[in-house]
Amino acid sequence: MADNLSIWKQLERTDPDHTKPFKRGGGFKGTAIKPIYTVKKMTEAFGPAGKGWGMGEPSFQVVPGVNDEVLVYCTVSVWWDDGTERREVFGVGGDKVVSHIKANDQYNRPERWENDDEAFKKAFTDAVGNGMKHLGMSADVHMGLFDDSKYVQQVAADLHAEEQPEPPKAKALPKAAARPLEQEMRDELDACMTLDDLQRLWTSPAFKAEFKKLPADWQEQLTEYKDERKAELTPKLGSVKPNFEGMKA
């Protein structure tokens, strides 16, 4: 059965290092995501832009606003190739081409009207990002999970742990040199008197480090020997007699 959330799961988590908080008029605040970060995530999921995924030709609509402000809206498709066919979703974004700027005495800025020569680009970027939302891009931000500081800390720790390179594998010793080590490890297994002792020894960092030094076929043999010791230390059914002392009829 197909996993309908397979793409969503690839895109939903957001690295906090690529976000920043923002505030707008009226007290609205949220988390902004760096657009180039979402482009990278799409590339990781589908391949290079223009080949595995991309955008259609945008369409723009310029709309007059109140008080001589001018708005621009962009509609664009976001497509991806799932290996069988090309699919697409749509996003809409907007910005202000001409906006009214209030006076700011603190910075000695007078009240004025201002043109934004990047308004079309901002509207396009906004539209692409909104299209990506339909695939699950940074869903944790849009679902409000970034309001929880514990979630943010945990996802950062998880993502950074995944980025850590695997430590180089220990090089196995030649069999002649590994023989005393293998015998010593068997003796340690023999010395275990309980299942807890056996588990602690087998999972201890020092024992695991020595284990990796053994040739691969000896690792298999020692694992089998550990299982034999486990069977020996496991209480047999009926081997413990019940104690009825103190029980009332």
C-alpha atoms as a PDB file:
ATOM      1  CA  MET A   1       0.000   0.000   0.000  1.00  0.00           C
ATOM      2  CA  ALA A   2       1.384   3.410  -0.980  1.00  0.00           C
ATOM      3  CA  ASP A   3       2.406   5.794   1.795  1.00  0.00           C
ATOM      4  CA  ASN A   4       0.458   8.963   1.035  1.00  0.00           C
ATOM      5  CA  LEU A   5       2.629  10.900   3.478  1.00  0.00           C
ATOM      6  CA  SER A   6       5.998   9.820   2.074  1.00  0.00           C
ATOM      7  CA  ILE A   7       6.795  13.255   0.560  1.00  0.00           C
ATOM      8  CA  TRP A   8       5.281  15.069   3.532  1.00  0.00           C
ATOM      9  CA  LYS A   9       7.560  13.174   5.936  1.00  0.00           C
ATOM     10  CA  GLN A  10      10.648  14.182   3.916  1.00  0.00           C
ATOM     11  CA  LEU A  11       9.748  17.884   4.039  1.00  0.00           C
ATOM     12  CA  GLU A  12       7.842  18.505   7.281  1.00  0.00           C
ATOM     13  CA  ARG A  13      10.703  19.069   9.741  1.00  0.00           C
ATOM     14  CA  THR A  14      12.441  22.457   9.722  1.00  0.00           C
ATOM     15  CA  ASP A  15      15.964  23.182  10.909  1.00  0.00           C
ATOM     16  CA  PRO A  16      15.666  26.091  13.398  1.00  0.00           C
ATOM     17  CA  ASP A  17      19.025  27.398  12.131  1.00  0.00           C
ATOM     18  CA  HIS A  18      17.239  28.397   8.902  1.00  0.00           C
ATOM     19  CA  THR A  19      14.382  30.314  10.520  1.00  0.00           C
ATOM     20  CA  LYS A  20      13.921  33.626  12.279  1.00  0.00           C
ATOM     21  CA  PRO A  21      11.033  35.179  14.235  1.00  0.00           C
ATOM     22  CA  PHE A  22       9.121  38.130  12.811  1.00  0.00           C
ATOM     23  CA  LYS A  23       6.480  40.610  13.940  1.00  0.00           C
ATOM     24  CA  ARG A  24       3.849  42.486  11.957  1.00  0.00           C
ATOM     25  CA  GLY A  25       1.424  45.262  12.690  1.00  0.00           C
ATOM     26  CA  GLY A  26      -1.400  44.405  15.034  1.00  0.00           C
ATOM     27  CA  GLY A  27       0.799  42.212  17.225  1.00  0.00           C
ATOM     28  CA  PHE A  28       0.972  39.296  14.775  1.00  0.00           C
ATOM     29  CA  LYS A  29       4.165  37.285  15.111  1.00  0.00           C
ATOM     30  CA  GLY A  30       5.460  34.054  13.642  1.00  0.00           C
ATOM     31  CA  THR A  31       8.422  32.159  12.240  1.00  0.00           C
ATOM     32  CA  ALA A  32       9.923  33.006   8.843  1.00  0.00           C
ATOM     33  CA  ILE A  33      11.719  30.271   6.868  1.00  0.00           C
ATOM     34  CA  LYS A  34      14.658  31.072   4.609  1.00  0.00           C
ATOM     35  CA  PRO A  35      13.475  30.510   0.994  1.00  0.00           C
ATOM     36  CA  ILE A  36      16.814  29.055  -0.142  1.00  0.00           C
ATOM     37  CA  TYR A  37      16.502  26.419   2.606  1.00  0.00           C
ATOM     38  CA  THR A  38      13.203  25.204   1.151  1.00  0.00           C
ATOM     39  CA  VAL A  39      14.821  25.070  -2.304  1.00  0.00           C
ATOM     40  CA  LYS A  40      17.563  22.861  -0.861  1.00  0.00           C
ATOM     41  CA  LYS A  41      15.007  20.532   0.739  1.00  0.00           C
ATOM     42  CA  MET A  42      13.103  20.176  -2.548  1.00  0.00           C
ATOM     43  CA  THR A  43      16.390  19.385  -4.297  1.00  0.00           C
ATOM     44  CA  GLU A  44      17.214  16.732  -1.694  1.00  0.00           C
ATOM     45  CA  ALA A  45      13.794  15.145  -2.186  1.00  0.00           C
ATOM     46  CA  PHE A  46      13.430  15.302  -5.982  1.00  0.00           C
ATOM     47  CA  GLY A  47      16.732  16.305  -7.590  1.00  0.00           C
ATOM     48  CA  PRO A  48      17.986  19.504  -9.238  1.00  0.00           C
ATOM     49  CA  ALA A  49      15.515  22.297  -9.973  1.00  0.00           C
ATOM     50  CA  GLY A  50      14.341  22.122 -13.568  1.00  0.00           C
ATOM     51  CA  LYS A  51      14.843  18.352 -13.664  1.00  0.00           C
ATOM     52  CA  GLY A  52      13.237  16.744 -10.622  1.00  0.00           C
ATOM     53  CA  TRP A  53      11.122  19.712  -9.618  1.00  0.00           C
ATOM     54  CA  GLY A  54      10.567  23.344 -10.548  1.00  0.00           C
ATOM     55  CA  MET A  55       8.149  26.219 -11.088  1.00  0.00           C
ATOM     56  CA  GLY A  56       5.865  27.108 -13.949  1.00  0.00           C
ATOM     57  CA  GLU A  57       5.724  30.555 -15.537  1.00  0.00           C
ATOM     58  CA  PRO A  58       4.312  32.987 -12.939  1.00  0.00           C
ATOM     59  CA  SER A  59       1.395  35.309 -13.604  1.00  0.00           C
ATOM     60  CA  PHE A  60       1.160  38.679 -11.861  1.00  0.00           C
ATOM     61  CA  GLN A  61      -1.809  40.881 -11.072  1.00  0.00           C
ATOM     62  CA  VAL A  62      -1.343  44.499  -9.960  1.00  0.00           C
ATOM     63  CA  VAL A  63      -4.206  45.758  -7.781  1.00  0.00           C
ATOM     64  CA  PRO A  64      -4.776  49.288  -6.419  1.00  0.00           C
ATOM     65  CA  GLY A  65      -5.119  49.392  -2.646  1.00  0.00           C
ATOM     66  CA  VAL A  66      -6.434  51.989  -0.234  1.00  0.00           C
ATOM     67  CA  ASN A  67      -4.716  55.345   0.233  1.00  0.00           C
ATOM     68  CA  ASP A  68      -2.873  55.088  -3.089  1.00  0.00           C
ATOM     69  CA  GLU A  69      -1.091  51.845  -2.117  1.00  0.00           C
ATOM     70  CA  VAL A  70      -0.444  49.393  -4.971  1.00  0.00           C
ATOM     71  CA  LEU A  71      -0.417  45.611  -4.445  1.00  0.00           C
ATOM     72  CA  VAL A  72       0.937  42.804  -6.615  1.00  0.00           C
ATOM     73  CA  TYR A  73      -0.215  39.188  -6.506  1.00  0.00           C
ATOM     74  CA  CYS A  74       1.572  36.239  -8.070  1.00  0.00           C
ATOM     75  CA  THR A  75       0.180  32.834  -8.996  1.00  0.00           C
ATOM     76  CA  VAL A  76       2.620  30.062  -9.897  1.00  0.00           C
ATOM     77  CA  SER A  77       2.696  26.282 -10.182  1.00  0.00           C
ATOM     78  CA  VAL A  78       5.200  24.116  -8.344  1.00  0.00           C
ATOM     79  CA  TRP A  79       5.815  20.810 -10.112  1.00  0.00           C
ATOM     80  CA  TRP A  80       7.757  17.666  -9.258  1.00  0.00           C
ATOM     81  CA  ASP A  81       8.502  14.370 -10.979  1.00  0.00           C
ATOM     82  CA  ASP A  82       7.672  11.283  -8.916  1.00  0.00           C
ATOM     83  CA  GLY A  83       9.391   8.943 -11.359  1.00  0.00           C
ATOM     84  CA  THR A  84       6.242   8.076 -13.289  1.00  0.00           C
ATOM     85  CA  GLU A  85       4.765  11.430 -14.222  1.00  0.00           C
ATOM     86  CA  ARG A  86       5.036  15.156 -13.592  1.00  0.00           C
ATOM     87  CA  ARG A  87       2.633  16.543 -11.013  1.00  0.00           C
ATOM     88  CA  GLU A  88       1.930  20.091  -9.860  1.00  0.00           C
ATOM     89  CA  VAL A  89       0.286  22.238  -7.221  1.00  0.00           C
ATOM     90  CA  PHE A  90      -0.319  25.995  -7.157  1.00  0.00           C
ATOM     91  CA  GLY A  91       0.551  28.803  -4.793  1.00  0.00           C
ATOM     92  CA  VAL A  92      -0.447  32.443  -4.508  1.00  0.00           C
ATOM     93  CA  GLY A  93       1.693  35.179  -2.938  1.00  0.00           C
ATOM     94  CA  GLY A  94       1.599  38.943  -2.674  1.00  0.00           C
ATOM     95  CA  ASP A  95       3.460  42.104  -1.717  1.00  0.00           C
ATOM     96  CA  LYS A  96       3.195  45.899  -1.927  1.00  0.00           C
ATOM     97  CA  VAL A  97       4.643  47.760  -4.903  1.00  0.00           C
ATOM     98  CA  VAL A  98       3.771  51.167  -3.408  1.00  0.00           C
ATOM     99  CA  SER A  99       3.251  51.470   0.329  1.00  0.00           C
ATOM    100  CA  HIS A 100       2.668  54.181   2.892  1.00  0.00           C
ATOM    101  CA  ILE A 101       5.452  54.517   5.477  1.00  0.00           C
ATOM    102  CA  LYS A 102       4.614  56.139   8.786  1.00  0.00           C
ATOM    103  CA  ALA A 103       6.922  58.705  10.344  1.00  0.00           C
ATOM    104  CA  ASN A 104       9.491  57.459  12.824  1.00  0.00           C
ATOM    105  CA  ASP A 105      10.871  60.173  15.061  1.00  0.00           C
ATOM    106  CA  GLN A 106      13.359  57.813  16.679  1.00  0.00           C
ATOM    107  CA  TYR A 107      15.180  57.347  13.376  1.00  0.00           C
ATOM    108  CA  ASN A 108      14.352  60.826  12.043  1.00  0.00           C
ATOM    109  CA  ARG A 109      12.313  59.362   9.184  1.00  0.00           C
ATOM    110  CA  PRO A 110       9.434  61.456   7.789  1.00  0.00           C
ATOM    111  CA  GLU A 111       6.101  60.084   6.656  1.00  0.00           C
ATOM    112  CA  ARG A 112       6.353  59.116   2.980  1.00  0.00           C
ATOM    113  CA  TRP A 113       5.230  56.936   0.093  1.00  0.00           C
ATOM    114  CA  GLU A 114       7.724  54.320  -1.008  1.00  0.00           C
ATOM    115  CA  ASN A 115       8.167  52.162  -4.127  1.00  0.00           C
ATOM    116  CA  ASP A 116       9.572  48.647  -3.801  1.00  0.00           C
ATOM    117  CA  ASP A 117      11.444  47.502  -6.903  1.00  0.00           C
ATOM    118  CA  GLU A 118      11.632  43.951  -5.492  1.00  0.00           C
ATOM    119  CA  ALA A 119       7.906  43.571  -4.835  1.00  0.00           C
ATOM    120  CA  PHE A 120       7.373  41.249  -7.822  1.00  0.00           C
ATOM    121  CA  LYS A 121      10.258  39.025  -6.697  1.00  0.00           C
ATOM    122  CA  LYS A 122       8.912  38.894  -3.149  1.00  0.00           C
ATOM    123  CA  ALA A 123       5.431  37.998  -4.393  1.00  0.00           C
ATOM    124  CA  PHE A 124       6.917  35.224  -6.559  1.00  0.00           C
ATOM    125  CA  THR A 125       8.957  33.818  -3.651  1.00  0.00           C
ATOM    126  CA  ASP A 126       5.872  33.940  -1.441  1.00  0.00           C
ATOM    127  CA  ALA A 127       3.813  32.099  -4.064  1.00  0.00           C
ATOM    128  CA  VAL A 128       6.419  29.353  -4.503  1.00  0.00           C
ATOM    129  CA  GLY A 129       6.613  28.864  -0.735  1.00  0.00           C
ATOM    130  CA  ASN A 130       2.838  28.629  -0.464  1.00  0.00           C
ATOM    131  CA  GLY A 131       2.808  26.042  -3.248  1.00  0.00           C
ATOM    132  CA  MET A 132       5.418  23.966  -1.405  1.00  0.00           C
ATOM    133  CA  LYS A 133       3.170  23.946   1.684  1.00  0.00           C
ATOM    134  CA  HIS A 134       0.809  21.573  -0.126  1.00  0.00           C
ATOM    135  CA  LEU A 135       3.617  19.006  -0.222  1.00  0.00           C
ATOM    136  CA  GLY A 136       4.328  19.388   3.504  1.00  0.00           C
ATOM    137  CA  MET A 137       7.227  21.839   3.327  1.00  0.00           C
ATOM    138  CA  SER A 138       8.041  22.991   6.903  1.00  0.00           C
ATOM    139  CA  ALA A 139       4.686  21.711   8.105  1.00  0.00           C
ATOM    140  CA  ASP A 140       5.897  21.838  11.709  1.00  0.00           C
ATOM    141  CA  VAL A 141       6.181  25.635  11.459  1.00  0.00           C
ATOM    142  CA  HIS A 142       2.802  26.085   9.772  1.00  0.00           C
ATOM    143  CA  MET A 143       1.112  23.758  12.294  1.00  0.00           C
ATOM    144  CA  GLY A 144       2.371  25.905  15.180  1.00  0.00           C
ATOM    145  CA  LEU A 145       4.884  23.422  16.595  1.00  0.00           C
ATOM    146  CA  PHE A 146       7.595  26.111  16.631  1.00  0.00           C
ATOM    147  CA  ASP A 147       5.606  27.870  19.361  1.00  0.00           C
ATOM    148  CA  ASP A 148       6.857  25.088  21.658  1.00  0.00           C
ATOM    149  CA  SER A 149      10.485  25.760  22.614  1.00  0.00           C
ATOM    150  CA  LYS A 150      10.987  22.129  23.664  1.00  0.00           C
ATOM    151  CA  TYR A 151       9.973  20.950  20.191  1.00  0.00           C
ATOM    152  CA  VAL A 152      12.396  23.403  18.576  1.00  0.00           C
ATOM    153  CA  GLN A 153      15.258  22.183  20.776  1.00  0.00           C
ATOM    154  CA  GLN A 154      14.450  18.537  20.092  1.00  0.00           C
ATOM    155  CA  VAL A 155      14.161  18.864  16.315  1.00  0.00           C
ATOM    156  CA  ALA A 156      17.443  20.807  16.232  1.00  0.00           C
ATOM    157  CA  ALA A 157      19.168  18.074  18.221  1.00  0.00           C
ATOM    158  CA  ASP A 158      17.706  15.337  15.999  1.00  0.00           C
ATOM    159  CA  LEU A 159      18.645  17.029  12.725  1.00  0.00           C
ATOM    160  CA  HIS A 160      22.174  17.855  13.838  1.00  0.00           C
ATOM    161  CA  ALA A 161      22.675  14.309  15.117  1.00  0.00           C
ATOM    162  CA  GLU A 162      21.673  12.988  11.681  1.00  0.00           C
ATOM    163  CA  GLU A 163      24.286  15.250  10.081  1.00  0.00           C
ATOM    164  CA  GLN A 164      27.135  13.808  12.164  1.00  0.00           C
ATOM    165  CA  PRO A 165      29.355  11.551  10.050  1.00  0.00           C
ATOM    166  CA  GLU A 166      29.579   7.938  11.111  1.00  0.00           C
ATOM    167  CA  PRO A 167      32.794   7.162  12.976  1.00  0.00           C
ATOM    168  CA  PRO A 168      35.296   5.164  10.938  1.00  0.00           C
ATOM    169  CA  LYS A 169      34.974   1.425  11.408  1.00  0.00           C
ATOM    170  CA  ALA A 170      37.635  -0.177  13.564  1.00  0.00           C
ATOM    171  CA  LYS A 171      40.064  -2.224  11.540  1.00  0.00           C
ATOM    172  CA  ALA A 172      39.903  -5.913  12.404  1.00  0.00           C
ATOM    173  CA  LEU A 173      43.028  -7.475  13.866  1.00  0.00           C
ATOM    174  CA  PRO A 174      44.771 -10.337  12.071  1.00  0.00           C
ATOM    175  CA  LYS A 175      43.539 -13.654  13.450  1.00  0.00           C
ATOM    176  CA  ALA A 176      46.878 -14.454  15.066  1.00  0.00           C
ATOM    177  CA  ALA A 177      46.779 -11.196  17.006  1.00  0.00           C
ATOM    178  CA  ALA A 178      43.036 -11.461  17.724  1.00  0.00           C
ATOM    179  CA  ARG A 179      43.179 -14.951  19.283  1.00  0.00           C
ATOM    180  CA  PRO A 180      44.150 -13.811  22.828  1.00  0.00           C
ATOM    181  CA  LEU A 181      41.538 -11.031  22.703  1.00  0.00           C
ATOM    182  CA  GLU A 182      38.792 -13.431  21.608  1.00  0.00           C
ATOM    183  CA  GLN A 183      39.670 -15.859  24.406  1.00  0.00           C
ATOM    184  CA  GLU A 184      39.691 -13.054  26.954  1.00  0.00           C
ATOM    185  CA  MET A 185      36.200 -11.981  25.831  1.00  0.00           C
ATOM    186  CA  ARG A 186      34.913 -15.546  26.148  1.00  0.00           C
ATOM    187  CA  ASP A 187      36.329 -15.677  29.683  1.00  0.00           C
ATOM    188  CA  GLU A 188      34.490 -12.459  30.514  1.00  0.00           C
ATOM    189  CA  LEU A 189      31.244 -13.981  29.223  1.00  0.00           C
ATOM    190  CA  ASP A 190      31.889 -17.103  31.311  1.00  0.00           C
ATOM    191  CA  ALA A 191      32.352 -14.961  34.406  1.00  0.00           C
ATOM    192  CA  CYS A 192      28.825 -13.531  34.162  1.00  0.00           C
ATOM    193  CA  MET A 193      26.624 -15.074  36.863  1.00  0.00           C
ATOM    194  CA  THR A 194      23.268 -13.516  35.906  1.00  0.00           C
ATOM    195  CA  LEU A 195      21.449 -12.335  32.804  1.00  0.00           C
ATOM    196  CA  ASP A 196      21.867  -8.741  33.992  1.00  0.00           C
ATOM    197  CA  ASP A 197      25.641  -9.250  34.243  1.00  0.00           C
ATOM    198  CA  LEU A 198      25.680 -10.657  30.724  1.00  0.00           C
ATOM    199  CA  GLN A 199      23.620  -7.765  29.311  1.00  0.00           C
ATOM    200  CA  ARG A 200      25.768  -5.116  31.000  1.00  0.00           C
ATOM    201  CA  LEU A 201      28.965  -6.682  29.685  1.00  0.00           C
ATOM    202  CA  TRP A 202      27.687  -7.186  26.126  1.00  0.00           C
ATOM    203  CA  THR A 203      26.419  -3.614  25.794  1.00  0.00           C
ATOM    204  CA  SER A 204      29.319  -1.886  27.557  1.00  0.00           C
ATOM    205  CA  PRO A 205      31.278   0.542  25.313  1.00  0.00           C
ATOM    206  CA  ALA A 206      34.599  -1.132  26.155  1.00  0.00           C
ATOM    207  CA  PHE A 207      33.348  -4.616  25.234  1.00  0.00           C
ATOM    208  CA  LYS A 208      31.768  -3.366  22.000  1.00  0.00           C
ATOM    209  CA  ALA A 209      35.004  -1.603  21.030  1.00  0.00           C
ATOM    210  CA  GLU A 210      36.975  -4.839  21.526  1.00  0.00           C
ATOM    211  CA  PHE A 211      34.287  -6.793  19.656  1.00  0.00           C
ATOM    212  CA  LYS A 212      34.804  -4.638  16.551  1.00  0.00           C
ATOM    213  CA  LYS A 213      38.483  -5.606  16.484  1.00  0.00           C
ATOM    214  CA  LEU A 214      37.643  -9.262  15.868  1.00  0.00           C
ATOM    215  CA  PRO A 215      37.453 -10.705  12.335  1.00  0.00           C
ATOM    216  CA  ALA A 216      33.875 -10.811  11.009  1.00  0.00           C
ATOM    217  CA  ASP A 217      33.486 -14.594  11.286  1.00  0.00           C
ATOM    218  CA  TRP A 218      34.771 -14.512  14.874  1.00  0.00           C
ATOM    219  CA  GLN A 219      32.232 -11.801  15.701  1.00  0.00           C
ATOM    220  CA  GLU A 220      29.493 -14.196  14.567  1.00  0.00           C
ATOM    221  CA  GLN A 221      30.969 -17.022  16.639  1.00  0.00           C
ATOM    222  CA  LEU A 222      31.238 -14.856  19.755  1.00  0.00           C
ATOM    223  CA  THR A 223      27.640 -13.703  19.282  1.00  0.00           C
ATOM    224  CA  GLU A 224      26.534 -17.333  19.151  1.00  0.00           C
ATOM    225  CA  TYR A 225      28.564 -18.037  22.304  1.00  0.00           C
ATOM    226  CA  LYS A 226      26.856 -15.122  24.054  1.00  0.00           C
ATOM    227  CA  ASP A 227      23.469 -16.582  23.096  1.00  0.00           C
ATOM    228  CA  GLU A 228      24.533 -19.942  24.551  1.00  0.00           C
ATOM    229  CA  ARG A 229      25.511 -18.266  27.821  1.00  0.00           C
ATOM    230  CA  LYS A 230      22.174 -16.441  27.818  1.00  0.00           C
ATOM    231  CA  ALA A 231      20.353 -19.745  27.479  1.00  0.00           C
ATOM    232  CA  GLU A 232      22.409 -21.232  30.343  1.00  0.00           C
ATOM    233  CA  LEU A 233      21.582 -18.312  32.644  1.00  0.00           C
ATOM    234  CA  THR A 234      17.868 -18.232  31.808  1.00  0.00           C
ATOM    235  CA  PRO A 235      15.824 -19.955  34.555  1.00  0.00           C
ATOM    236  CA  LYS A 236      14.182 -23.127  33.303  1.00  0.00           C
ATOM    237  CA  LEU A 237      10.442 -23.577  33.705  1.00  0.00           C
ATOM    238  CA  GLY A 238       9.781 -25.573  36.868  1.00  0.00           C
ATOM    239  CA  SER A 239      13.312 -25.173  38.198  1.00  0.00           C
ATOM    240  CA  VAL A 240      12.138 -22.858  40.991  1.00  0.00           C
ATOM    241  CA  LYS A 241       9.884 -24.436  43.593  1.00  0.00           C
ATOM    242  CA  PRO A 242       7.051 -22.290  44.891  1.00  0.00           C
ATOM    243  CA  ASN A 243       7.177 -21.184  48.520  1.00  0.00           C
ATOM    244  CA  PHE A 244       3.840 -21.612  50.240  1.00  0.00           C
ATOM    245  CA  GLU A 245       5.017 -20.508  53.684  1.00  0.00           C
ATOM    246  CA  GLY A 246       2.841 -17.852  55.191  1.00  0.00           C
ATOM    247  CA  MET A 247      -0.039 -18.515  52.820  1.00  0.00           C
ATOM    248  CA  LYS A 248      -3.421 -18.928  54.498  1.00  0.00           C
ATOM    249  CA  ALA A 249      -5.917 -21.587  53.464  1.00  0.00           C
END
